[in-house]
Amino acid sequence: MSRRCELTGTGVQSGHNVSHSNRKTNRRFNANVQRVTLRSEALGLTIPLRVTTRALRTVTKHGGLDTFLIKTGDAKLPPAAQRLKRRVQRALSGR
């Protein structure tokens, strides 16, 4: 199971541990991914997602999953989130 956010695509980054003697050893910076269920008002469903805490704060700031997906450009969303965005847009246009 990859440590990648399903809404933003944020994943693992790499860098260095730097010791006092300035020796550099490789390390990983894992994304803080949490399993959450978010409510989609347009679809009337709760959707289980693996989301970083930063993305969760952004979803809360926008006022929910639906508005986050609609306000975010397609270039910034991974393919799974783009599919979810299209489902939400179809549901909202059908109203």
Foldseek 3Di string as FASTA:
>chain_A
DAQAWQWQRDAKDKDWDQDPVRDTDIDIDGFQWDWDWFADPLVRDTHTTTHGPVVVVVQVVLPGDQSVLVPDDPVRHDPVSVVVNVVSVVSVVVD
